N, C-alpha and C. Protein backbone atom coordinates (compact mmCIF):
# COMPACT_ATOMS: atom_id res chain seq x y z
N MET A 1 23.20 37.08 28.14
CA MET A 1 22.32 38.21 28.19
C MET A 1 21.15 37.84 29.08
N VAL A 2 20.82 38.73 30.00
CA VAL A 2 19.72 38.50 30.93
C VAL A 2 18.69 39.60 30.78
N ALA A 3 17.44 39.30 31.10
CA ALA A 3 16.37 40.27 30.96
C ALA A 3 16.43 41.36 32.01
N ASP A 4 16.91 41.03 33.23
CA ASP A 4 16.88 41.96 34.34
C ASP A 4 18.02 41.63 35.30
N VAL A 5 18.68 42.64 35.83
CA VAL A 5 19.73 42.39 36.82
C VAL A 5 19.39 42.99 38.18
N LYS A 6 18.32 43.74 38.27
CA LYS A 6 17.99 44.41 39.52
C LYS A 6 16.92 43.69 40.32
N GLY A 7 16.04 42.98 39.66
CA GLY A 7 14.91 42.36 40.34
C GLY A 7 15.31 41.18 41.22
N ARG A 8 14.47 40.87 42.20
CA ARG A 8 14.73 39.74 43.09
C ARG A 8 14.70 38.43 42.33
N ARG A 9 14.02 38.40 41.20
CA ARG A 9 13.88 37.17 40.45
C ARG A 9 14.99 36.97 39.43
N CYS A 10 16.00 37.78 39.48
CA CYS A 10 17.11 37.64 38.54
C CYS A 10 17.83 36.32 38.81
N ARG A 11 17.59 35.34 37.96
CA ARG A 11 18.17 34.01 38.15
C ARG A 11 19.69 34.03 38.14
N MET A 12 20.26 34.83 37.27
CA MET A 12 21.71 34.86 37.14
C MET A 12 22.34 35.39 38.41
N ARG A 13 21.79 36.46 38.98
CA ARG A 13 22.35 37.01 40.21
C ARG A 13 22.25 35.99 41.33
N ASN A 14 21.16 35.26 41.40
CA ASN A 14 20.99 34.25 42.44
C ASN A 14 21.96 33.09 42.26
N ARG A 15 22.36 32.79 41.02
CA ARG A 15 23.25 31.67 40.76
C ARG A 15 24.72 32.03 40.88
N CYS A 16 25.04 33.30 40.99
CA CYS A 16 26.45 33.70 40.96
C CYS A 16 27.09 33.72 42.34
N GLY A 17 26.41 33.29 43.36
CA GLY A 17 27.02 33.17 44.67
C GLY A 17 27.51 34.49 45.22
N ARG A 18 28.84 34.70 45.25
CA ARG A 18 29.43 35.86 45.92
C ARG A 18 29.41 37.14 45.10
N ALA A 19 28.75 37.13 43.97
CA ALA A 19 28.72 38.34 43.14
C ALA A 19 28.14 39.51 43.93
N LYS A 20 28.76 40.67 43.78
CA LYS A 20 28.35 41.84 44.54
C LYS A 20 27.32 42.63 43.76
N THR A 21 26.47 43.33 44.51
CA THR A 21 25.43 44.15 43.89
C THR A 21 26.03 45.17 42.93
N ALA A 22 27.18 45.76 43.27
CA ALA A 22 27.81 46.76 42.41
C ALA A 22 28.18 46.18 41.05
N GLN A 23 28.54 44.90 41.00
CA GLN A 23 28.89 44.28 39.73
C GLN A 23 27.67 44.18 38.82
N PHE A 24 26.53 43.84 39.40
CA PHE A 24 25.31 43.77 38.59
C PHE A 24 24.82 45.17 38.23
N ALA A 25 25.04 46.14 39.11
CA ALA A 25 24.66 47.51 38.80
C ALA A 25 25.45 48.01 37.61
N ALA A 26 26.71 47.58 37.48
CA ALA A 26 27.53 47.98 36.33
C ALA A 26 26.91 47.47 35.04
N ALA A 27 26.34 46.27 35.08
CA ALA A 27 25.69 45.73 33.87
C ALA A 27 24.46 46.55 33.52
N ALA A 28 23.78 47.07 34.53
CA ALA A 28 22.55 47.84 34.29
C ALA A 28 22.83 49.29 33.95
N ASP A 29 24.07 49.74 34.19
CA ASP A 29 24.40 51.15 34.05
C ASP A 29 24.34 51.65 32.61
N ARG A 30 24.84 50.88 31.68
CA ARG A 30 24.90 51.32 30.28
C ARG A 30 24.37 50.22 29.38
N SER A 31 23.67 50.63 28.37
CA SER A 31 23.21 49.62 27.43
C SER A 31 24.39 49.15 26.58
N ALA A 32 24.35 47.91 26.17
CA ALA A 32 25.37 47.31 25.31
C ALA A 32 26.72 47.20 25.99
N THR A 33 26.73 47.09 27.32
CA THR A 33 27.98 46.91 28.04
C THR A 33 27.94 45.59 28.79
N GLN A 34 28.99 44.81 28.66
CA GLN A 34 29.11 43.59 29.45
C GLN A 34 29.83 43.94 30.73
N ALA A 35 29.28 43.50 31.86
CA ALA A 35 29.95 43.67 33.14
C ALA A 35 30.48 42.31 33.56
N LEU A 36 31.76 42.24 33.90
CA LEU A 36 32.33 40.99 34.40
C LEU A 36 31.93 40.84 35.86
N VAL A 37 31.29 39.71 36.16
CA VAL A 37 30.74 39.46 37.49
C VAL A 37 31.43 38.23 38.07
N ASP A 38 31.93 38.37 39.32
CA ASP A 38 32.56 37.23 40.00
C ASP A 38 31.50 36.18 40.29
N SER A 39 31.91 34.92 40.19
CA SER A 39 30.98 33.83 40.42
C SER A 39 31.69 32.68 41.13
N ASP A 40 30.99 32.05 42.05
CA ASP A 40 31.50 30.84 42.70
C ASP A 40 31.28 29.63 41.82
N ARG A 41 30.44 29.77 40.80
CA ARG A 41 30.09 28.65 39.93
C ARG A 41 30.77 28.81 38.60
N ARG A 42 30.94 27.71 37.90
CA ARG A 42 31.49 27.73 36.55
C ARG A 42 30.34 27.50 35.58
N PHE A 43 30.33 28.28 34.53
CA PHE A 43 29.28 28.18 33.52
C PHE A 43 29.91 27.70 32.22
N GLY A 44 29.28 26.76 31.58
CA GLY A 44 29.77 26.29 30.28
C GLY A 44 31.09 25.57 30.41
N CYS A 45 31.95 25.77 29.42
CA CYS A 45 33.20 25.01 29.36
C CYS A 45 34.40 25.78 29.88
N THR A 46 34.19 26.89 30.51
CA THR A 46 35.31 27.71 30.94
C THR A 46 35.58 27.58 32.44
N ALA A 47 36.82 27.73 32.81
CA ALA A 47 37.20 27.73 34.23
C ALA A 47 37.33 29.16 34.74
N ASN A 48 36.95 30.14 33.94
CA ASN A 48 37.05 31.54 34.31
C ASN A 48 36.10 31.81 35.48
N PRO A 49 36.59 32.46 36.55
CA PRO A 49 35.73 32.73 37.70
C PRO A 49 34.79 33.92 37.48
N ARG A 50 34.79 34.49 36.30
CA ARG A 50 33.91 35.63 36.00
C ARG A 50 33.05 35.32 34.78
N ILE A 51 31.85 35.87 34.80
CA ILE A 51 30.97 35.75 33.64
C ILE A 51 30.61 37.15 33.17
N GLY A 52 30.36 37.31 31.90
CA GLY A 52 29.95 38.60 31.35
C GLY A 52 28.44 38.68 31.36
N VAL A 53 27.90 39.67 32.06
CA VAL A 53 26.45 39.86 32.15
C VAL A 53 26.10 41.10 31.35
N MET A 54 25.06 40.98 30.54
CA MET A 54 24.67 42.07 29.65
C MET A 54 23.16 42.14 29.57
N LEU A 55 22.63 43.34 29.49
CA LEU A 55 21.19 43.54 29.33
C LEU A 55 20.84 43.64 27.85
N PRO A 56 19.59 43.35 27.51
CA PRO A 56 19.17 43.51 26.11
C PRO A 56 19.23 44.98 25.71
N TYR A 57 19.64 45.25 24.47
CA TYR A 57 19.69 46.64 24.02
C TYR A 57 18.99 46.86 22.69
N THR A 58 18.32 45.85 22.19
CA THR A 58 17.50 46.03 20.99
C THR A 58 16.10 45.47 21.28
N PRO A 59 15.09 45.92 20.57
CA PRO A 59 13.75 45.35 20.77
C PRO A 59 13.73 43.83 20.56
N LEU A 60 14.51 43.34 19.62
CA LEU A 60 14.55 41.90 19.37
C LEU A 60 15.10 41.14 20.58
N HIS A 61 16.14 41.68 21.21
CA HIS A 61 16.67 41.05 22.42
C HIS A 61 15.61 40.95 23.51
N HIS A 62 14.85 42.05 23.69
CA HIS A 62 13.79 42.05 24.71
C HIS A 62 12.75 40.98 24.40
N LEU A 63 12.34 40.88 23.15
CA LEU A 63 11.34 39.88 22.77
C LEU A 63 11.86 38.46 22.98
N LEU A 64 13.10 38.20 22.59
CA LEU A 64 13.67 36.86 22.77
C LEU A 64 13.73 36.48 24.25
N LEU A 65 14.24 37.38 25.07
CA LEU A 65 14.36 37.07 26.50
C LEU A 65 13.01 36.92 27.17
N ARG A 66 12.04 37.71 26.75
CA ARG A 66 10.70 37.59 27.32
C ARG A 66 10.09 36.24 26.96
N ASP A 67 10.22 35.84 25.71
CA ASP A 67 9.58 34.61 25.25
C ASP A 67 10.33 33.35 25.69
N ILE A 68 11.65 33.41 25.78
CA ILE A 68 12.42 32.23 26.16
C ILE A 68 12.48 32.09 27.67
N GLY A 69 12.61 33.20 28.38
CA GLY A 69 12.54 33.19 29.83
C GLY A 69 13.78 32.73 30.58
N VAL A 70 14.88 32.50 29.89
CA VAL A 70 16.13 32.10 30.55
C VAL A 70 17.25 32.95 29.98
N PRO A 71 18.37 33.09 30.72
CA PRO A 71 19.51 33.84 30.16
C PRO A 71 19.99 33.18 28.87
N LEU A 72 20.48 33.99 27.94
CA LEU A 72 20.99 33.50 26.67
C LEU A 72 22.49 33.74 26.59
N VAL A 73 23.20 32.80 26.01
CA VAL A 73 24.63 32.98 25.75
C VAL A 73 24.74 33.46 24.31
N MET A 74 25.34 34.64 24.14
CA MET A 74 25.47 35.22 22.81
C MET A 74 26.92 35.58 22.56
N THR A 75 27.29 35.62 21.31
CA THR A 75 28.65 35.99 20.94
C THR A 75 28.61 37.08 19.89
N SER A 76 29.71 37.81 19.81
CA SER A 76 29.81 38.84 18.78
C SER A 76 30.13 38.23 17.43
N GLY A 77 30.37 36.94 17.37
CA GLY A 77 30.57 36.28 16.09
C GLY A 77 32.01 36.08 15.70
N ASN A 78 32.84 35.67 16.65
CA ASN A 78 34.22 35.36 16.29
C ASN A 78 34.81 34.38 17.28
N GLN A 79 35.82 33.67 16.81
CA GLN A 79 36.61 32.84 17.70
C GLN A 79 37.71 33.70 18.29
N SER A 80 38.34 33.23 19.34
CA SER A 80 39.43 33.97 19.98
C SER A 80 40.49 34.35 18.96
N ASP A 81 40.96 35.58 19.07
CA ASP A 81 42.03 36.11 18.23
C ASP A 81 41.68 36.20 16.74
N GLU A 82 40.40 36.22 16.42
CA GLU A 82 39.96 36.42 15.03
C GLU A 82 39.09 37.65 14.95
N PRO A 83 39.02 38.30 13.80
CA PRO A 83 38.11 39.44 13.65
C PRO A 83 36.65 38.95 13.69
N ILE A 84 35.75 39.86 14.02
CA ILE A 84 34.33 39.53 14.07
C ILE A 84 33.84 39.18 12.67
N ALA A 85 33.14 38.06 12.57
CA ALA A 85 32.50 37.68 11.30
C ALA A 85 31.16 38.39 11.26
N TYR A 86 30.94 39.23 10.27
CA TYR A 86 29.69 39.98 10.24
C TYR A 86 28.96 39.90 8.89
N ARG A 87 29.51 39.21 7.94
CA ARG A 87 28.81 38.98 6.68
C ARG A 87 28.36 37.53 6.66
N GLU A 88 27.10 37.29 6.27
CA GLU A 88 26.50 35.97 6.41
C GLU A 88 27.33 34.80 5.88
N PRO A 89 27.85 34.82 4.67
CA PRO A 89 28.63 33.65 4.22
C PRO A 89 29.83 33.38 5.14
N ASP A 90 30.50 34.46 5.57
CA ASP A 90 31.65 34.33 6.45
C ASP A 90 31.24 33.78 7.82
N VAL A 91 30.11 34.24 8.34
CA VAL A 91 29.61 33.78 9.63
C VAL A 91 29.36 32.27 9.60
N PHE A 92 28.65 31.80 8.60
CA PHE A 92 28.32 30.38 8.52
C PHE A 92 29.57 29.52 8.36
N GLU A 93 30.53 29.99 7.61
CA GLU A 93 31.76 29.23 7.38
C GLU A 93 32.62 29.16 8.64
N ARG A 94 32.87 30.31 9.26
CA ARG A 94 33.80 30.37 10.39
C ARG A 94 33.22 29.89 11.71
N LEU A 95 31.90 30.00 11.88
CA LEU A 95 31.30 29.66 13.17
C LEU A 95 30.52 28.34 13.14
N ARG A 96 30.55 27.66 12.01
CA ARG A 96 29.89 26.36 11.92
C ARG A 96 30.51 25.42 12.96
N GLY A 97 29.69 24.71 13.68
CA GLY A 97 30.18 23.80 14.69
C GLY A 97 30.40 24.43 16.06
N ILE A 98 30.32 25.75 16.13
CA ILE A 98 30.49 26.45 17.41
C ILE A 98 29.14 26.94 17.92
N ALA A 99 28.40 27.60 17.05
CA ALA A 99 27.12 28.18 17.44
C ALA A 99 25.98 27.19 17.19
N ASP A 100 25.05 27.16 18.13
CA ASP A 100 23.86 26.31 17.97
C ASP A 100 22.85 26.94 17.03
N VAL A 101 22.75 28.26 17.08
CA VAL A 101 21.75 28.99 16.30
C VAL A 101 22.37 30.28 15.78
N PHE A 102 21.99 30.68 14.61
CA PHE A 102 22.40 31.98 14.05
C PHE A 102 21.17 32.86 13.95
N LEU A 103 21.25 34.06 14.48
CA LEU A 103 20.17 35.03 14.38
C LEU A 103 20.55 35.99 13.26
N ILE A 104 19.84 35.93 12.16
CA ILE A 104 20.14 36.78 11.00
C ILE A 104 18.90 37.59 10.64
N HIS A 105 19.10 38.60 9.83
CA HIS A 105 17.98 39.43 9.38
C HIS A 105 18.34 40.06 8.04
N ASN A 106 17.44 40.88 7.53
CA ASN A 106 17.66 41.46 6.21
C ASN A 106 18.35 42.83 6.25
N ARG A 107 18.90 43.20 7.40
CA ARG A 107 19.64 44.46 7.52
C ARG A 107 21.11 44.13 7.71
N PRO A 108 21.91 44.25 6.66
CA PRO A 108 23.33 43.88 6.79
C PRO A 108 24.07 44.79 7.76
N ILE A 109 25.06 44.22 8.41
CA ILE A 109 25.94 44.98 9.29
C ILE A 109 27.02 45.61 8.41
N HIS A 110 27.20 46.90 8.53
CA HIS A 110 28.20 47.59 7.71
C HIS A 110 29.50 47.80 8.45
N VAL A 111 29.43 47.96 9.78
CA VAL A 111 30.63 48.18 10.58
C VAL A 111 30.57 47.25 11.78
N ARG A 112 31.57 46.39 11.93
CA ARG A 112 31.59 45.52 13.10
C ARG A 112 32.06 46.32 14.30
N CYS A 113 31.55 45.97 15.48
CA CYS A 113 31.90 46.70 16.69
C CYS A 113 31.74 45.77 17.89
N ASP A 114 32.78 45.63 18.68
CA ASP A 114 32.71 44.82 19.90
C ASP A 114 31.86 45.52 20.95
N ASP A 115 31.40 44.75 21.93
CA ASP A 115 30.71 45.32 23.07
C ASP A 115 31.73 45.83 24.07
N SER A 116 31.35 46.84 24.83
CA SER A 116 32.20 47.30 25.92
C SER A 116 32.21 46.25 27.02
N VAL A 117 33.31 46.18 27.76
CA VAL A 117 33.42 45.27 28.89
C VAL A 117 33.93 46.08 30.08
N THR A 118 33.25 45.95 31.22
CA THR A 118 33.67 46.64 32.43
C THR A 118 33.81 45.64 33.57
N ARG A 119 34.50 46.08 34.61
CA ARG A 119 34.65 45.26 35.82
C ARG A 119 34.70 46.21 37.01
N VAL A 120 34.04 45.84 38.08
CA VAL A 120 34.09 46.65 39.29
C VAL A 120 35.33 46.25 40.07
N ILE A 121 36.23 47.22 40.27
CA ILE A 121 37.48 46.99 41.00
C ILE A 121 37.53 48.01 42.13
N GLY A 122 37.60 47.53 43.36
CA GLY A 122 37.62 48.43 44.51
C GLY A 122 36.39 49.30 44.59
N GLY A 123 35.25 48.78 44.16
CA GLY A 123 33.99 49.53 44.21
C GLY A 123 33.80 50.52 43.08
N ILE A 124 34.75 50.59 42.14
CA ILE A 124 34.65 51.54 41.03
C ILE A 124 34.57 50.76 39.71
N GLU A 125 33.60 51.12 38.89
CA GLU A 125 33.47 50.48 37.58
C GLU A 125 34.63 50.93 36.70
N SER A 126 35.36 49.96 36.16
CA SER A 126 36.53 50.25 35.33
C SER A 126 36.37 49.61 33.97
N PRO A 127 36.48 50.38 32.89
CA PRO A 127 36.37 49.79 31.56
C PRO A 127 37.58 48.90 31.26
N ILE A 128 37.30 47.71 30.78
CA ILE A 128 38.34 46.79 30.30
C ILE A 128 38.50 47.00 28.80
N ARG A 129 37.36 47.17 28.11
CA ARG A 129 37.35 47.47 26.67
C ARG A 129 36.27 48.51 26.43
N ARG A 130 36.65 49.67 25.91
CA ARG A 130 35.69 50.74 25.60
C ARG A 130 35.21 50.58 24.17
N SER A 131 33.92 50.42 24.02
CA SER A 131 33.35 50.32 22.69
C SER A 131 31.92 50.80 22.77
N ARG A 132 30.99 50.07 22.18
CA ARG A 132 29.58 50.47 22.16
C ARG A 132 29.12 50.80 23.58
N GLY A 133 28.47 51.95 23.76
CA GLY A 133 28.01 52.39 25.06
C GLY A 133 28.96 53.35 25.75
N TYR A 134 30.25 53.30 25.41
CA TYR A 134 31.27 54.19 25.99
C TYR A 134 31.92 55.08 24.95
N ALA A 135 32.35 54.49 23.85
CA ALA A 135 33.05 55.26 22.82
C ALA A 135 32.02 55.83 21.85
N PRO A 136 32.22 57.00 21.36
CA PRO A 136 33.41 57.85 21.49
C PRO A 136 33.30 58.91 22.59
N LEU A 137 32.63 58.62 23.72
CA LEU A 137 32.58 59.60 24.79
C LEU A 137 34.00 59.97 25.22
N PRO A 138 34.24 61.24 25.52
CA PRO A 138 35.60 61.66 25.86
C PRO A 138 36.07 61.10 27.20
N ILE A 139 37.36 60.92 27.32
CA ILE A 139 38.00 60.47 28.55
C ILE A 139 38.79 61.67 29.08
N ALA A 140 38.57 62.03 30.34
CA ALA A 140 39.33 63.13 30.94
C ALA A 140 40.76 62.65 31.20
N LEU A 141 41.72 63.45 30.79
CA LEU A 141 43.13 63.12 30.96
C LEU A 141 43.69 63.81 32.20
N PRO A 142 44.61 63.17 32.91
CA PRO A 142 45.20 63.81 34.09
C PRO A 142 46.14 64.96 33.73
N LEU A 143 46.67 64.92 32.50
CA LEU A 143 47.54 65.98 32.01
C LEU A 143 47.02 66.46 30.67
N SER A 144 47.30 67.69 30.33
CA SER A 144 46.88 68.23 29.04
C SER A 144 47.89 67.87 27.96
N CYS A 145 47.39 67.57 26.76
CA CYS A 145 48.27 67.28 25.62
C CYS A 145 48.78 68.60 25.05
N PRO A 146 50.09 68.78 24.93
CA PRO A 146 50.62 70.03 24.38
C PRO A 146 50.29 70.18 22.89
N ALA A 147 50.08 69.04 22.22
CA ALA A 147 49.70 69.01 20.80
C ALA A 147 48.82 67.77 20.62
N PRO A 148 48.02 67.73 19.57
CA PRO A 148 47.21 66.52 19.36
C PRO A 148 48.10 65.27 19.28
N ILE A 149 47.66 64.19 19.95
CA ILE A 149 48.41 62.93 19.98
C ILE A 149 47.51 61.81 19.47
N LEU A 150 48.01 61.05 18.50
CA LEU A 150 47.29 59.92 17.95
C LEU A 150 47.90 58.63 18.48
N ALA A 151 47.05 57.74 19.00
CA ALA A 151 47.50 56.43 19.47
C ALA A 151 46.73 55.38 18.68
N VAL A 152 47.43 54.34 18.24
CA VAL A 152 46.77 53.28 17.46
C VAL A 152 46.99 51.93 18.15
N GLY A 153 46.09 50.98 17.87
CA GLY A 153 46.18 49.65 18.46
C GLY A 153 47.45 48.94 18.04
N GLY A 154 48.00 48.18 18.96
CA GLY A 154 49.23 47.44 18.68
C GLY A 154 48.94 46.19 17.86
N GLN A 155 49.89 45.75 17.09
CA GLN A 155 49.81 44.57 16.24
C GLN A 155 48.55 44.62 15.38
N MET A 156 47.62 43.69 15.59
CA MET A 156 46.45 43.63 14.71
C MET A 156 45.19 44.19 15.35
N LYS A 157 45.29 44.88 16.48
CA LYS A 157 44.12 45.47 17.10
C LYS A 157 43.67 46.67 16.28
N VAL A 158 42.38 46.75 16.02
CA VAL A 158 41.86 47.81 15.18
C VAL A 158 41.14 48.83 16.06
N THR A 159 41.87 49.83 16.50
CA THR A 159 41.29 50.92 17.27
C THR A 159 42.28 52.08 17.26
N PHE A 160 41.79 53.24 17.62
CA PHE A 160 42.69 54.38 17.76
C PHE A 160 42.10 55.35 18.77
N ALA A 161 42.93 56.25 19.26
CA ALA A 161 42.49 57.30 20.18
C ALA A 161 43.20 58.59 19.80
N LEU A 162 42.51 59.70 19.99
CA LEU A 162 43.08 61.01 19.68
C LEU A 162 43.00 61.87 20.93
N GLY A 163 44.17 62.26 21.45
CA GLY A 163 44.24 63.15 22.60
C GLY A 163 44.38 64.57 22.13
N CYS A 164 43.57 65.45 22.70
CA CYS A 164 43.61 66.86 22.31
C CYS A 164 43.22 67.68 23.54
N GLY A 165 44.11 68.55 23.98
CA GLY A 165 43.81 69.32 25.19
C GLY A 165 43.79 68.40 26.40
N SER A 166 42.73 68.49 27.17
CA SER A 166 42.64 67.69 28.40
C SER A 166 41.73 66.48 28.26
N THR A 167 41.37 66.14 27.00
CA THR A 167 40.51 64.97 26.77
C THR A 167 41.08 64.07 25.69
N CYS A 168 40.58 62.85 25.68
CA CYS A 168 40.96 61.87 24.68
C CYS A 168 39.67 61.24 24.16
N ARG A 169 39.59 61.04 22.87
CA ARG A 169 38.45 60.33 22.28
C ARG A 169 38.96 59.04 21.68
N ALA A 170 38.38 57.93 22.16
CA ALA A 170 38.80 56.61 21.69
C ALA A 170 37.75 56.05 20.74
N GLU A 171 38.20 55.53 19.63
CA GLU A 171 37.34 54.85 18.65
C GLU A 171 36.84 53.57 19.29
N PRO A 172 35.60 53.14 19.01
CA PRO A 172 35.15 51.84 19.51
C PRO A 172 36.07 50.71 19.08
N ALA A 173 36.26 49.73 19.95
CA ALA A 173 37.09 48.58 19.61
C ALA A 173 36.42 47.77 18.51
N HIS A 174 37.20 47.37 17.52
CA HIS A 174 36.69 46.56 16.41
C HIS A 174 37.30 45.18 16.40
N GLY A 175 38.00 44.80 17.44
CA GLY A 175 38.62 43.47 17.48
C GLY A 175 39.87 43.43 16.63
N ARG A 176 40.17 42.25 16.15
CA ARG A 176 41.38 42.06 15.34
C ARG A 176 41.05 42.31 13.88
N SER A 177 42.05 42.77 13.14
CA SER A 177 41.85 43.05 11.72
C SER A 177 42.00 41.79 10.88
């Protein structure tokens, strides 16, 4: 998470080498959306040539980034292929040894929800995962549904979409069940 993606002083944009302006604009376009940005550098322990850049979307995020002054690595609270841990005892048990710090508060999370992820492909922002910031905004369909159509996530993916007429409404992604 970075404080700013548009300013000249954006450290992350300066460190990403060949990253294009459109990729950073995608991160600034919607709150709570991660934009995958191409990078010549590797960050952390991954060999992935892309990093997820996200702007703060809560007052607490703004305060943390202002006071710390460097980009922060944040997670939704799960390991790969596991559901999001969102209740405190579960978080401490499952993420012990992975996270350096846990940010908790007295407002429990009632519904877990992944962040949206987008990528600029051919100059057009394309959603990789529609969730917070995108869902449940309708998606225009190229063809009209003759009757309502329900689509559900395959295997253990927890999401669904309902097509009706010329639009589809997708539930925010909730990760694995």
